[in-house]
PDB file of N, CA and C in Angstrom:
ATOM      1  N   UNK A   1       2.545  -2.100  -3.374  1.00  0.00           N
ATOM      2  CA  UNK A   1       1.216  -1.586  -3.208  1.00  0.00           C
ATOM      3  C   UNK A   1       0.510  -2.282  -2.046  1.00  0.00           C
ATOM      4  N   UNK A   2       0.725  -3.571  -1.953  1.00  0.00           N
ATOM      5  CA  UNK A   2       0.051  -4.304  -0.875  1.00  0.00           C
ATOM      6  C   UNK A   2       0.471  -3.787   0.503  1.00  0.00           C
ATOM      7  N   UNK A   3       1.748  -3.542   0.693  1.00  0.00           N
ATOM      8  CA  UNK A   3       2.228  -3.024   1.983  1.00  0.00           C
ATOM      9  C   UNK A   3       1.675  -1.637   2.244  1.00  0.00           C
ATOM     10  N   UNK A   4       1.614  -0.831   1.221  1.00  0.00           N
ATOM     11  CA  UNK A   4       1.141   0.537   1.337  1.00  0.00           C
ATOM     12  C   UNK A   4      -0.323   0.590   1.781  1.00  0.00           C
ATOM     13  N   UNK A   5      -1.137  -0.306   1.245  1.00  0.00           N
ATOM     14  CA  UNK A   5      -2.565  -0.309   1.546  1.00  0.00           C
ATOM     15  C   UNK A   5      -2.933  -1.194   2.732  1.00  0.00           C
ATOM     16  N   UNK A   6      -1.975  -1.910   3.318  1.00  0.00           N
ATOM     17  CA  UNK A   6      -2.251  -2.818   4.433  1.00  0.00           C
ATOM     18  C   UNK A   6      -2.978  -2.152   5.602  1.00  0.00           C
ATOM     19  N   UNK A   7      -2.605  -0.940   6.015  1.00  0.00           N
ATOM     20  CA  UNK A   7      -3.306  -0.320   7.138  1.00  0.00           C
ATOM     21  C   UNK A   7      -4.775   0.031   6.849  1.00  0.00           C
ATOM     22  N   UNK A   8      -5.172  -0.062   5.603  1.00  0.00           N
ATOM     23  CA  UNK A   8      -6.531   0.307   5.206  1.00  0.00           C
ATOM     24  C   UNK A   8      -7.340  -0.922   4.798  1.00  0.00           C
ATOM     25  N   UNK A   9      -7.050  -2.031   5.401  1.00  0.00           N
ATOM     26  CA  UNK A   9      -7.791  -3.248   5.137  1.00  0.00           C
ATOM     27  C   UNK A   9      -7.102  -4.181   4.162  1.00  0.00           C
ATOM     28  N   UNK A  10      -6.034  -3.709   3.556  1.00  0.00           N
ATOM     29  CA  UNK A  10      -5.277  -4.554   2.639  1.00  0.00           C
ATOM     30  C   UNK A  10      -5.775  -4.477   1.212  1.00  0.00           C
ATOM     31  N   UNK A  11      -4.894  -4.813   0.310  1.00  0.00           N
ATOM     32  CA  UNK A  11      -5.203  -4.788  -1.118  1.00  0.00           C
ATOM     33  C   UNK A  11      -5.586  -6.180  -1.576  1.00  0.00           C
ATOM     34  N   UNK A  12      -6.672  -6.274  -2.319  1.00  0.00           N
ATOM     35  CA  UNK A  12      -7.050  -7.530  -2.959  1.00  0.00           C
ATOM     36  C   UNK A  12      -6.314  -7.606  -4.278  1.00  0.00           C
ATOM     37  N   UNK A  13      -7.001  -7.258  -5.340  1.00  0.00           N
ATOM     38  CA  UNK A  13      -6.389  -7.271  -6.666  1.00  0.00           C
ATOM     39  C   UNK A  13      -5.628  -5.971  -6.898  1.00  0.00           C
ATOM     40  N   UNK A  14      -4.395  -6.088  -7.385  1.00  0.00           N
ATOM     41  CA  UNK A  14      -3.573  -4.937  -7.756  1.00  0.00           C
ATOM     42  C   UNK A  14      -3.219  -5.100  -9.224  1.00  0.00           C
ATOM     43  N   UNK A  15      -3.562  -4.097 -10.020  1.00  0.00           N
ATOM     44  CA  UNK A  15      -3.265  -4.161 -11.449  1.00  0.00           C
ATOM     45  C   UNK A  15      -2.415  -2.958 -11.822  1.00  0.00           C
ATOM     46  N   UNK A  16      -1.140  -3.202 -12.082  1.00  0.00           N
ATOM     47  CA  UNK A  16      -0.220  -2.153 -12.520  1.00  0.00           C
ATOM     48  C   UNK A  16      -0.310  -2.085 -14.039  1.00  0.00           C
ATOM     49  N   UNK A  17      -0.451  -0.885 -14.554  1.00  0.00           N
ATOM     50  CA  UNK A  17      -0.658  -0.703 -15.985  1.00  0.00           C
ATOM     51  C   UNK A  17       0.687  -0.503 -16.682  1.00  0.00           C
ATOM     52  N   UNK A  18       0.918  -1.301 -17.727  1.00  0.00           N
ATOM     53  CA  UNK A  18       2.166  -1.259 -18.469  1.00  0.00           C
ATOM     54  C   UNK A  18       1.929  -0.787 -19.898  1.00  0.00           C
ATOM     55  N   UNK A  19       2.944  -0.151 -20.471  1.00  0.00           N
ATOM     56  CA  UNK A  19       2.918   0.260 -21.874  1.00  0.00           C
ATOM     57  C   UNK A  19       3.083  -0.983 -22.738  1.00  0.00           C
ATOM     58  N   UNK A  20       2.217  -1.150 -23.710  1.00  0.00           N
ATOM     59  CA  UNK A  20       2.285  -2.344 -24.573  1.00  0.00           C
ATOM     60  C   UNK A  20       3.582  -2.421 -25.365  1.00  0.00           C
ATOM     61  N   UNK A  21       4.074  -1.281 -25.813  1.00  0.00           N
ATOM     62  CA  UNK A  21       5.261  -1.277 -26.677  1.00  0.00           C
ATOM     63  C   UNK A  21       6.560  -1.451 -25.917  1.00  0.00           C
ATOM     64  N   UNK A  22       6.694  -0.751 -24.791  1.00  0.00           N
ATOM     65  CA  UNK A  22       7.955  -0.777 -24.052  1.00  0.00           C
ATOM     66  C   UNK A  22       7.978  -1.803 -22.921  1.00  0.00           C
ATOM     67  N   UNK A  23       6.789  -2.187 -22.434  1.00  0.00           N
ATOM     68  CA  UNK A  23       6.725  -3.106 -21.306  1.00  0.00           C
ATOM     69  C   UNK A  23       6.991  -2.431 -19.974  1.00  0.00           C
ATOM     70  N   UNK A  24       7.183  -1.112 -19.988  1.00  0.00           N
ATOM     71  CA  UNK A  24       7.449  -0.368 -18.749  1.00  0.00           C
ATOM     72  C   UNK A  24       6.146   0.121 -18.146  1.00  0.00           C
ATOM     73  N   UNK A  25       6.165   0.287 -16.823  1.00  0.00           N
ATOM     74  CA  UNK A  25       4.997   0.792 -16.121  1.00  0.00           C
ATOM     75  C   UNK A  25       4.642   2.187 -16.616  1.00  0.00           C
ATOM     76  N   UNK A  26       3.346   2.443 -16.732  1.00  0.00           N
ATOM     77  CA  UNK A  26       2.879   3.771 -17.127  1.00  0.00           C
ATOM     78  C   UNK A  26       2.784   4.707 -15.921  1.00  0.00           C
ATOM     79  N   UNK A  27       3.065   4.183 -14.746  1.00  0.00           N
ATOM     80  CA  UNK A  27       3.081   5.020 -13.548  1.00  0.00           C
ATOM     81  C   UNK A  27       1.766   5.076 -12.799  1.00  0.00           C
ATOM     82  N   UNK A  28       0.862   4.142 -13.115  1.00  0.00           N
ATOM     83  CA  UNK A  28      -0.360   4.087 -12.333  1.00  0.00           C
ATOM     84  C   UNK A  28      -0.849   2.653 -12.210  1.00  0.00           C
ATOM     85  N   UNK A  29      -1.723   2.477 -11.228  1.00  0.00           N
ATOM     86  CA  UNK A  29      -2.241   1.142 -10.949  1.00  0.00           C
ATOM     87  C   UNK A  29      -3.656   1.256 -10.411  1.00  0.00           C
ATOM     88  N   UNK A  30      -4.344   0.133 -10.427  1.00  0.00           N
ATOM     89  CA  UNK A  30      -5.658   0.033  -9.821  1.00  0.00           C
ATOM     90  C   UNK A  30      -5.529  -0.936  -8.654  1.00  0.00           C
ATOM     91  N   UNK A  31      -6.032  -0.512  -7.496  1.00  0.00           N
ATOM     92  CA  UNK A  31      -5.947  -1.328  -6.292  1.00  0.00           C
ATOM     93  C   UNK A  31      -7.361  -1.535  -5.768  1.00  0.00           C
ATOM     94  N   UNK A  32      -7.741  -2.798  -5.620  1.00  0.00           N
ATOM     95  CA  UNK A  32      -9.046  -3.118  -5.051  1.00  0.00           C
ATOM     96  C   UNK A  32      -8.819  -3.476  -3.587  1.00  0.00           C
ATOM     97  N   UNK A  33      -9.495  -2.754  -2.707  1.00  0.00           N
ATOM     98  CA  UNK A  33      -9.329  -3.004  -1.278  1.00  0.00           C
ATOM     99  C   UNK A  33     -10.152  -4.207  -0.849  1.00  0.00           C
ATOM    100  N   UNK A  34      -9.607  -4.986   0.079  1.00  0.00           N
ATOM    101  CA  UNK A  34     -10.344  -6.135   0.589  1.00  0.00           C
ATOM    102  C   UNK A  34     -11.470  -5.691   1.502  1.00  0.00           C
ATOM    103  N   UNK A  35     -11.333  -4.517   2.128  1.00  0.00           N
ATOM    104  CA  UNK A  35     -12.387  -3.945   2.963  1.00  0.00           C
ATOM    105  C   UNK A  35     -12.809  -2.623   2.330  1.00  0.00           C
ATOM    106  N   UNK A  36     -13.803  -2.682   1.480  1.00  0.00           N
ATOM    107  CA  UNK A  36     -14.254  -1.507   0.751  1.00  0.00           C
ATOM    108  C   UNK A  36     -14.713  -0.366   1.641  1.00  0.00           C
ATOM    109  N   UNK A  37     -15.095  -0.674   2.869  1.00  0.00           N
ATOM    110  CA  UNK A  37     -15.544   0.368   3.780  1.00  0.00           C
ATOM    111  C   UNK A  37     -14.412   1.304   4.197  1.00  0.00           C
ATOM    112  N   UNK A  38     -13.184   0.868   4.015  1.00  0.00           N
ATOM    113  CA  UNK A  38     -12.036   1.689   4.392  1.00  0.00           C
ATOM    114  C   UNK A  38     -11.470   2.465   3.204  1.00  0.00           C
ATOM    115  N   UNK A  39     -12.180   2.482   2.111  1.00  0.00           N
ATOM    116  CA  UNK A  39     -11.718   3.150   0.906  1.00  0.00           C
ATOM    117  C   UNK A  39     -11.451   4.632   1.106  1.00  0.00           C
ATOM    118  N   UNK A  40     -12.376   5.337   1.756  1.00  0.00           N
ATOM    119  CA  UNK A  40     -12.181   6.772   1.962  1.00  0.00           C
ATOM    120  C   UNK A  40     -11.006   7.024   2.895  1.00  0.00           C
ATOM    121  N   UNK A  41     -10.817   6.147   3.878  1.00  0.00           N
ATOM    122  CA  UNK A  41      -9.666   6.291   4.783  1.00  0.00           C
ATOM    123  C   UNK A  41      -8.367   6.134   3.999  1.00  0.00           C
ATOM    124  N   UNK A  42      -8.322   5.198   3.042  1.00  0.00           N
ATOM    125  CA  UNK A  42      -7.135   5.004   2.203  1.00  0.00           C
ATOM    126  C   UNK A  42      -6.887   6.241   1.347  1.00  0.00           C
ATOM    127  N   UNK A  43      -7.948   6.797   0.784  1.00  0.00           N
ATOM    128  CA  UNK A  43      -7.809   8.005  -0.033  1.00  0.00           C
ATOM    129  C   UNK A  43      -7.262   9.140   0.825  1.00  0.00           C
ATOM    130  N   UNK A  44      -7.875   9.356   1.977  1.00  0.00           N
ATOM    131  CA  UNK A  44      -7.450  10.444   2.866  1.00  0.00           C
ATOM    132  C   UNK A  44      -6.027  10.254   3.369  1.00  0.00           C
ATOM    133  N   UNK A  45      -5.662   9.009   3.666  1.00  0.00           N
ATOM    134  CA  UNK A  45      -4.357   8.740   4.243  1.00  0.00           C
ATOM    135  C   UNK A  45      -3.210   8.667   3.249  1.00  0.00           C
ATOM    136  N   UNK A  46      -3.502   8.284   2.016  1.00  0.00           N
ATOM    137  CA  UNK A  46      -2.426   8.048   1.059  1.00  0.00           C
ATOM    138  C   UNK A  46      -2.323   9.082  -0.057  1.00  0.00           C
ATOM    139  N   UNK A  47      -3.387   9.802  -0.341  1.00  0.00           N
ATOM    140  CA  UNK A  47      -3.350  10.786  -1.418  1.00  0.00           C
ATOM    141  C   UNK A  47      -2.295  11.846  -1.122  1.00  0.00           C
ATOM    142  N   UNK A  48      -1.387  12.055  -2.047  1.00  0.00           N
ATOM    143  CA  UNK A  48      -0.312  13.030  -1.870  1.00  0.00           C
ATOM    144  C   UNK A  48       0.935  12.472  -1.206  1.00  0.00           C
ATOM    145  N   UNK A  49       0.894  11.208  -0.775  1.00  0.00           N
ATOM    146  CA  UNK A  49       2.042  10.562  -0.144  1.00  0.00           C
ATOM    147  C   UNK A  49       3.158  10.357  -1.162  1.00  0.00           C
ATOM    148  N   UNK A  50       4.390  10.577  -0.741  1.00  0.00           N
ATOM    149  CA  UNK A  50       5.544  10.360  -1.611  1.00  0.00           C
ATOM    150  C   UNK A  50       5.864   8.867  -1.678  1.00  0.00           C
ATOM    151  N   UNK A  51       6.013   8.361  -2.879  1.00  0.00           N
ATOM    152  CA  UNK A  51       6.419   6.973  -3.088  1.00  0.00           C
ATOM    153  C   UNK A  51       7.514   6.978  -4.140  1.00  0.00           C
ATOM    154  N   UNK A  52       8.731   6.808  -3.706  1.00  0.00           N
ATOM    155  CA  UNK A  52       9.859   6.778  -4.623  1.00  0.00           C
ATOM    156  C   UNK A  52      10.057   8.075  -5.394  1.00  0.00           C
ATOM    157  N   UNK A  53       9.784   9.196  -4.742  1.00  0.00           N
ATOM    158  CA  UNK A  53       9.978  10.493  -5.380  1.00  0.00           C
ATOM    159  C   UNK A  53       8.787  10.971  -6.199  1.00  0.00           C
ATOM    160  N   UNK A  54       7.703  10.225  -6.155  1.00  0.00           N
ATOM    161  CA  UNK A  54       6.486  10.620  -6.879  1.00  0.00           C
ATOM    162  C   UNK A  54       5.333  10.729  -5.888  1.00  0.00           C
ATOM    163  N   UNK A  55       4.532  11.759  -6.058  1.00  0.00           N
ATOM    164  CA  UNK A  55       3.347  11.910  -5.215  1.00  0.00           C
ATOM    165  C   UNK A  55       2.236  11.011  -5.723  1.00  0.00           C
ATOM    166  N   UNK A  56       1.660  10.246  -4.794  1.00  0.00           N
ATOM    167  CA  UNK A  56       0.560   9.371  -5.172  1.00  0.00           C
ATOM    168  C   UNK A  56      -0.720  10.170  -5.333  1.00  0.00           C
ATOM    169  N   UNK A  57      -1.521   9.785  -6.279  1.00  0.00           N
ATOM    170  CA  UNK A  57      -2.880  10.302  -6.416  1.00  0.00           C
ATOM    171  C   UNK A  57      -3.786   9.108  -6.192  1.00  0.00           C
ATOM    172  N   UNK A  58      -4.497   9.135  -5.088  1.00  0.00           N
ATOM    173  CA  UNK A  58      -5.373   8.026  -4.727  1.00  0.00           C
ATOM    174  C   UNK A  58      -6.810   8.523  -4.809  1.00  0.00           C
ATOM    175  N   UNK A  59      -7.602   7.848  -5.619  1.00  0.00           N
ATOM    176  CA  UNK A  59      -8.993   8.249  -5.822  1.00  0.00           C
ATOM    177  C   UNK A  59      -9.813   7.025  -6.212  1.00  0.00           C
ATOM    178  N   UNK A  60     -11.114   7.176  -6.150  1.00  0.00           N
ATOM    179  CA  UNK A  60     -12.007   6.125  -6.618  1.00  0.00           C
ATOM    180  C   UNK A  60     -11.914   6.090  -8.135  1.00  0.00           C
ATOM    181  N   UNK A  61     -11.758   4.903  -8.696  1.00  0.00           N
ATOM    182  CA  UNK A  61     -11.654   4.761 -10.148  1.00  0.00           C
ATOM    183  C   UNK A  61     -12.996   5.073 -10.803  1.00  0.00           C
ATOM    184  N   UNK A  62     -12.921   5.724 -11.933  1.00  0.00           N
ATOM    185  CA  UNK A  62     -14.121   6.016 -12.705  1.00  0.00           C
ATOM    186  C   UNK A  62     -14.429   4.833 -13.602  1.00  0.00           C
ATOM    187  N   UNK A  63     -15.692   4.451 -13.671  1.00  0.00           N
ATOM    188  CA  UNK A  63     -16.092   3.356 -14.535  1.00  0.00           C
ATOM    189  C   UNK A  63     -16.256   3.878 -15.947  1.00  0.00           C
ATOM    190  N   UNK A  64     -15.350   3.473 -16.830  1.00  0.00           N
ATOM    191  CA  UNK A  64     -15.395   3.921 -18.222  1.00  0.00           C
ATOM    192  C   UNK A  64     -15.948   2.820 -19.129  1.00  0.00           C
ATOM    193  N   UNK A  65     -16.365   1.722 -18.527  1.00  0.00           N
ATOM    194  CA  UNK A  65     -16.860   0.611 -19.337  1.00  0.00           C
ATOM    195  C   UNK A  65     -15.724  -0.160 -19.960  1.00  0.00           C
ATOM    196  N   UNK A  66     -16.038  -1.200 -20.680  1.00  0.00           N
ATOM    197  CA  UNK A  66     -14.996  -2.021 -21.322  1.00  0.00           C
ATOM    198  C   UNK A  66     -14.364  -1.269 -22.467  1.00  0.00           C
ATOM    199  N   UNK A  67     -13.071  -1.410 -22.605  1.00  0.00           N
ATOM    200  CA  UNK A  67     -12.355  -0.802 -23.713  1.00  0.00           C
ATOM    201  C   UNK A  67     -11.816   0.583 -23.428  1.00  0.00           C
ATOM    202  N   UNK A  68     -12.016   1.097 -22.210  1.00  0.00           N
ATOM    203  CA  UNK A  68     -11.458   2.414 -21.885  1.00  0.00           C
ATOM    204  C   UNK A  68     -12.257   3.544 -22.506  1.00  0.00           C
ATOM    205  N   UNK A  69     -11.586   4.616 -22.770  1.00  0.00           N
ATOM    206  CA  UNK A  69     -12.131   5.842 -23.345  1.00  0.00           C
ATOM    207  C   UNK A  69     -13.596   5.809 -23.479  1.00  0.00           C
TER     208      UNK A  69
END
């Protein structure tokens, strides 16, 4: 993820979400950009990009508050 987001100011915190039971990735992550001003450029440049046979969906995370749902 860090290499992927490097052209857009770089990734600060990267949180890959794992299934509690299996320990396997759920197929999504949260990436905090070090330069927030380049966020839209990252969305425009990376959304729909193929990564290992999967199309990325890059968007601004929705604030759901603590605890999810």
